[in-house]
């Protein structure tokens, strides 16, 4: 039951990320943050992986999935590094 709820959360979160990305892709980079809706969608593309990956780690731990326990923490490290870099670059704060 818990694993099913975690999978549902992962699917929902990544679905939100996909939908937000598909809405934002046709827009120019300047127009993406021009409206409050665009800022909300852009934020959703950055926050949802930060919420989904811990759910994947929990699923792997509950199911005692050795491969998942190796891959998902590495994915979390990547997300924790990539998301701030993208945000800082977008707002002109990184090299």
N, C-alpha and C. Protein backbone atom coordinates (compact mmCIF):
# COMPACT_ATOMS: atom_id res chain seq x y z
N UNK A 1 0.83 -1.19 0.00
CA UNK A 1 0.00 0.00 0.00
C UNK A 1 0.87 1.26 0.00
N UNK A 2 1.88 1.30 0.88
CA UNK A 2 2.76 2.46 0.94
C UNK A 2 3.53 2.64 -0.35
N UNK A 3 4.00 1.52 -0.89
CA UNK A 3 4.76 1.59 -2.14
C UNK A 3 3.87 2.10 -3.27
N UNK A 4 2.63 1.66 -3.29
CA UNK A 4 1.71 2.13 -4.33
C UNK A 4 1.48 3.64 -4.24
N UNK A 5 1.35 4.15 -3.02
CA UNK A 5 1.18 5.60 -2.84
C UNK A 5 2.44 6.37 -3.25
N UNK A 6 3.60 5.81 -2.93
CA UNK A 6 4.84 6.46 -3.34
C UNK A 6 4.98 6.48 -4.86
N UNK A 7 4.64 5.35 -5.51
CA UNK A 7 4.68 5.32 -6.98
C UNK A 7 3.70 6.33 -7.57
N UNK A 8 2.51 6.43 -6.97
CA UNK A 8 1.53 7.41 -7.45
C UNK A 8 2.08 8.82 -7.31
N UNK A 9 2.76 9.10 -6.21
CA UNK A 9 3.36 10.43 -6.01
C UNK A 9 4.43 10.71 -7.06
N UNK A 10 5.27 9.71 -7.33
CA UNK A 10 6.33 9.87 -8.34
C UNK A 10 5.72 10.14 -9.71
N UNK A 11 4.73 9.36 -10.08
CA UNK A 11 4.09 9.52 -11.39
C UNK A 11 3.41 10.89 -11.49
N UNK A 12 2.73 11.30 -10.43
CA UNK A 12 2.07 12.61 -10.43
C UNK A 12 3.09 13.74 -10.54
N UNK A 13 4.14 13.68 -9.75
CA UNK A 13 5.15 14.73 -9.77
C UNK A 13 5.85 14.83 -11.12
N UNK A 14 6.23 13.69 -11.67
CA UNK A 14 6.91 13.73 -12.97
C UNK A 14 5.95 14.10 -14.09
N UNK A 15 4.67 13.78 -13.93
CA UNK A 15 3.67 14.23 -14.89
C UNK A 15 3.51 15.74 -14.87
N UNK A 16 3.54 16.32 -13.67
CA UNK A 16 3.48 17.78 -13.54
C UNK A 16 4.70 18.40 -14.20
N UNK A 17 5.88 17.82 -13.99
CA UNK A 17 7.10 18.33 -14.61
C UNK A 17 7.00 18.26 -16.13
N UNK A 18 6.52 17.14 -16.65
CA UNK A 18 6.38 16.99 -18.09
C UNK A 18 5.40 18.01 -18.67
N UNK A 19 4.26 18.18 -18.02
CA UNK A 19 3.27 19.14 -18.51
C UNK A 19 3.81 20.56 -18.48
N UNK A 20 4.48 20.93 -17.38
CA UNK A 20 5.05 22.28 -17.28
C UNK A 20 6.12 22.50 -18.35
N UNK A 21 6.94 21.48 -18.58
CA UNK A 21 7.99 21.59 -19.59
C UNK A 21 7.39 21.76 -20.98
N UNK A 22 6.36 20.98 -21.28
CA UNK A 22 5.73 21.08 -22.61
C UNK A 22 5.06 22.43 -22.83
N UNK A 23 4.55 23.03 -21.76
CA UNK A 23 3.95 24.36 -21.89
C UNK A 23 5.03 25.42 -22.09
N UNK A 24 6.16 25.27 -21.40
CA UNK A 24 7.21 26.28 -21.45
C UNK A 24 8.12 26.19 -22.67
N UNK A 25 8.28 25.02 -23.24
CA UNK A 25 9.23 24.85 -24.35
C UNK A 25 8.99 25.76 -25.55
N UNK A 26 7.75 25.94 -25.99
CA UNK A 26 7.55 26.80 -27.17
C UNK A 26 7.86 28.28 -26.91
N UNK A 27 7.92 28.69 -25.66
CA UNK A 27 8.16 30.09 -25.33
C UNK A 27 9.65 30.41 -25.39
N UNK A 28 9.94 31.66 -25.67
CA UNK A 28 11.34 32.10 -25.63
C UNK A 28 11.78 32.16 -24.17
N UNK A 29 13.08 32.06 -23.90
CA UNK A 29 13.55 32.10 -22.51
C UNK A 29 13.11 33.37 -21.76
N UNK A 30 13.04 34.49 -22.45
CA UNK A 30 12.61 35.73 -21.79
C UNK A 30 11.13 35.70 -21.45
N UNK A 31 10.33 35.08 -22.30
CA UNK A 31 8.88 35.06 -22.09
C UNK A 31 8.46 34.03 -21.04
N UNK A 32 9.32 33.09 -20.71
CA UNK A 32 8.95 32.04 -19.76
C UNK A 32 8.64 32.59 -18.37
N UNK A 33 9.35 33.62 -17.97
CA UNK A 33 9.16 34.18 -16.64
C UNK A 33 8.41 35.50 -16.66
N UNK A 34 7.84 35.85 -17.81
CA UNK A 34 7.16 37.14 -17.94
C UNK A 34 5.85 37.19 -17.14
N UNK A 35 5.18 36.07 -16.98
CA UNK A 35 3.91 36.05 -16.25
C UNK A 35 4.05 35.23 -14.98
N UNK A 36 3.12 35.41 -14.07
CA UNK A 36 3.17 34.62 -12.84
C UNK A 36 2.94 33.14 -13.14
N UNK A 37 2.12 32.85 -14.14
CA UNK A 37 1.90 31.46 -14.54
C UNK A 37 3.19 30.84 -15.07
N UNK A 38 3.94 31.59 -15.85
CA UNK A 38 5.21 31.10 -16.36
C UNK A 38 6.21 30.84 -15.25
N UNK A 39 6.25 31.74 -14.26
CA UNK A 39 7.16 31.54 -13.12
C UNK A 39 6.76 30.32 -12.32
N UNK A 40 5.46 30.11 -12.15
CA UNK A 40 4.98 28.93 -11.42
C UNK A 40 5.35 27.65 -12.17
N UNK A 41 5.14 27.65 -13.47
CA UNK A 41 5.49 26.47 -14.27
C UNK A 41 6.99 26.22 -14.26
N UNK A 42 7.79 27.28 -14.37
CA UNK A 42 9.24 27.12 -14.35
C UNK A 42 9.69 26.56 -13.00
N UNK A 43 9.10 27.06 -11.93
CA UNK A 43 9.42 26.53 -10.60
C UNK A 43 9.01 25.07 -10.46
N UNK A 44 7.88 24.70 -11.05
CA UNK A 44 7.43 23.31 -10.99
C UNK A 44 8.42 22.37 -11.68
N UNK A 45 9.04 22.84 -12.75
CA UNK A 45 10.01 21.99 -13.44
C UNK A 45 11.26 21.77 -12.60
N UNK A 46 11.52 22.65 -11.66
CA UNK A 46 12.72 22.52 -10.82
C UNK A 46 12.44 21.80 -9.50
N UNK A 47 11.27 21.97 -8.93
CA UNK A 47 10.94 21.42 -7.62
C UNK A 47 10.50 19.96 -7.69
N UNK A 48 9.77 19.59 -8.72
CA UNK A 48 9.21 18.24 -8.77
C UNK A 48 10.25 17.13 -8.73
N UNK A 49 11.42 17.26 -9.40
CA UNK A 49 12.41 16.19 -9.25
C UNK A 49 12.96 16.09 -7.82
N UNK A 50 13.05 17.24 -7.14
CA UNK A 50 13.53 17.23 -5.76
C UNK A 50 12.56 16.50 -4.84
N UNK A 51 11.30 16.44 -5.22
CA UNK A 51 10.31 15.72 -4.43
C UNK A 51 10.15 14.27 -4.88
N UNK A 52 10.34 14.00 -6.16
CA UNK A 52 10.12 12.66 -6.70
C UNK A 52 11.25 11.69 -6.36
N UNK A 53 12.48 12.15 -6.42
CA UNK A 53 13.61 11.24 -6.21
C UNK A 53 13.63 10.65 -4.80
N UNK A 54 13.37 11.41 -3.73
CA UNK A 54 13.30 10.76 -2.41
C UNK A 54 12.21 9.68 -2.34
N UNK A 55 11.12 9.87 -3.06
CA UNK A 55 10.09 8.83 -3.11
C UNK A 55 10.64 7.57 -3.77
N UNK A 56 11.43 7.74 -4.83
CA UNK A 56 12.05 6.59 -5.50
C UNK A 56 13.04 5.89 -4.56
N UNK A 57 13.79 6.67 -3.80
CA UNK A 57 14.73 6.08 -2.84
C UNK A 57 13.97 5.29 -1.78
N UNK A 58 12.87 5.84 -1.30
CA UNK A 58 12.06 5.14 -0.29
C UNK A 58 11.48 3.85 -0.87
N UNK A 59 11.03 3.88 -2.10
CA UNK A 59 10.50 2.68 -2.74
C UNK A 59 11.58 1.61 -2.82
N UNK A 60 12.78 2.00 -3.27
CA UNK A 60 13.88 1.04 -3.39
C UNK A 60 14.23 0.46 -2.02
N UNK A 61 14.21 1.30 -0.99
CA UNK A 61 14.53 0.83 0.36
C UNK A 61 13.48 -0.15 0.87
N UNK A 62 12.19 0.18 0.68
CA UNK A 62 11.11 -0.70 1.13
C UNK A 62 11.16 -2.04 0.41
N UNK A 63 11.42 -1.99 -0.91
CA UNK A 63 11.44 -3.22 -1.70
C UNK A 63 12.80 -3.93 -1.66
N UNK A 64 13.75 -3.36 -0.94
CA UNK A 64 15.11 -3.91 -0.86
C UNK A 64 15.71 -4.13 -2.25
N UNK A 65 15.57 -3.11 -3.06
CA UNK A 65 16.08 -3.13 -4.43
C UNK A 65 17.50 -2.56 -4.44
N UNK A 66 18.48 -3.45 -4.59
CA UNK A 66 19.88 -3.03 -4.54
C UNK A 66 20.26 -2.07 -5.64
N UNK A 67 19.79 -2.33 -6.85
CA UNK A 67 20.10 -1.44 -7.97
C UNK A 67 19.47 -0.07 -7.75
N UNK A 68 18.25 -0.04 -7.29
CA UNK A 68 17.58 1.23 -7.01
C UNK A 68 18.27 2.01 -5.91
N UNK A 69 18.76 1.29 -4.90
CA UNK A 69 19.47 1.96 -3.81
C UNK A 69 20.81 2.52 -4.27
N UNK A 70 21.33 2.04 -5.37
CA UNK A 70 22.56 2.59 -5.93
C UNK A 70 22.26 3.74 -6.88
N UNK A 71 21.30 3.55 -7.77
CA UNK A 71 21.03 4.52 -8.83
C UNK A 71 20.28 5.75 -8.32
N UNK A 72 19.26 5.57 -7.51
CA UNK A 72 18.43 6.70 -7.10
C UNK A 72 19.17 7.72 -6.23
N UNK A 73 20.02 7.30 -5.30
CA UNK A 73 20.82 8.32 -4.59
C UNK A 73 21.76 9.08 -5.53
N UNK A 74 22.33 8.39 -6.52
CA UNK A 74 23.16 9.09 -7.50
C UNK A 74 22.33 10.10 -8.29
N UNK A 75 21.10 9.71 -8.63
CA UNK A 75 20.19 10.62 -9.31
C UNK A 75 19.88 11.83 -8.42
N UNK A 76 19.73 11.60 -7.13
CA UNK A 76 19.45 12.70 -6.21
C UNK A 76 20.63 13.66 -6.14
N UNK A 77 21.85 13.13 -6.13
CA UNK A 77 23.03 13.99 -6.13
C UNK A 77 23.05 14.84 -7.39
N UNK A 78 22.76 14.21 -8.52
CA UNK A 78 22.72 14.95 -9.78
C UNK A 78 21.67 16.06 -9.72
N UNK A 79 20.47 15.73 -9.23
CA UNK A 79 19.39 16.73 -9.14
C UNK A 79 19.79 17.85 -8.20
N UNK A 80 20.40 17.51 -7.08
CA UNK A 80 20.79 18.54 -6.10
C UNK A 80 21.88 19.46 -6.64
N UNK A 81 22.67 18.99 -7.60
CA UNK A 81 23.69 19.83 -8.20
C UNK A 81 23.14 20.58 -9.42
N UNK A 82 22.40 19.88 -10.26
CA UNK A 82 21.94 20.46 -11.53
C UNK A 82 20.86 21.53 -11.34
N UNK A 83 19.91 21.30 -10.46
CA UNK A 83 18.81 22.25 -10.31
C UNK A 83 19.30 23.63 -9.86
N UNK A 84 20.13 23.72 -8.81
CA UNK A 84 20.62 25.06 -8.44
C UNK A 84 21.47 25.70 -9.54
N UNK A 85 22.27 24.91 -10.23
CA UNK A 85 23.08 25.48 -11.31
C UNK A 85 22.21 26.07 -12.41
N UNK A 86 21.15 25.37 -12.76
CA UNK A 86 20.25 25.87 -13.80
C UNK A 86 19.55 27.13 -13.31
N UNK A 87 19.11 27.12 -12.06
CA UNK A 87 18.42 28.29 -11.51
C UNK A 87 19.37 29.49 -11.45
N UNK A 88 20.60 29.27 -10.98
CA UNK A 88 21.56 30.38 -10.89
C UNK A 88 21.92 30.90 -12.27
N UNK A 89 22.08 29.99 -13.23
CA UNK A 89 22.41 30.43 -14.58
C UNK A 89 21.25 31.21 -15.19
N UNK A 90 20.03 30.77 -14.92
CA UNK A 90 18.85 31.44 -15.46
C UNK A 90 18.74 32.87 -14.94
N UNK A 91 19.10 33.06 -13.70
CA UNK A 91 18.97 34.38 -13.10
C UNK A 91 20.29 35.15 -13.11
N UNK A 92 21.27 34.65 -13.85
CA UNK A 92 22.52 35.36 -14.06
C UNK A 92 23.43 35.41 -12.86
N UNK A 93 23.37 34.41 -11.99
CA UNK A 93 24.21 34.43 -10.79
C UNK A 93 25.38 33.46 -10.88
N UNK A 94 25.44 32.66 -11.93
CA UNK A 94 26.55 31.69 -12.05
C UNK A 94 27.41 32.07 -13.24
N UNK A 95 28.70 31.73 -13.14
CA UNK A 95 29.73 32.01 -14.09
C UNK A 95 29.32 32.06 -15.49
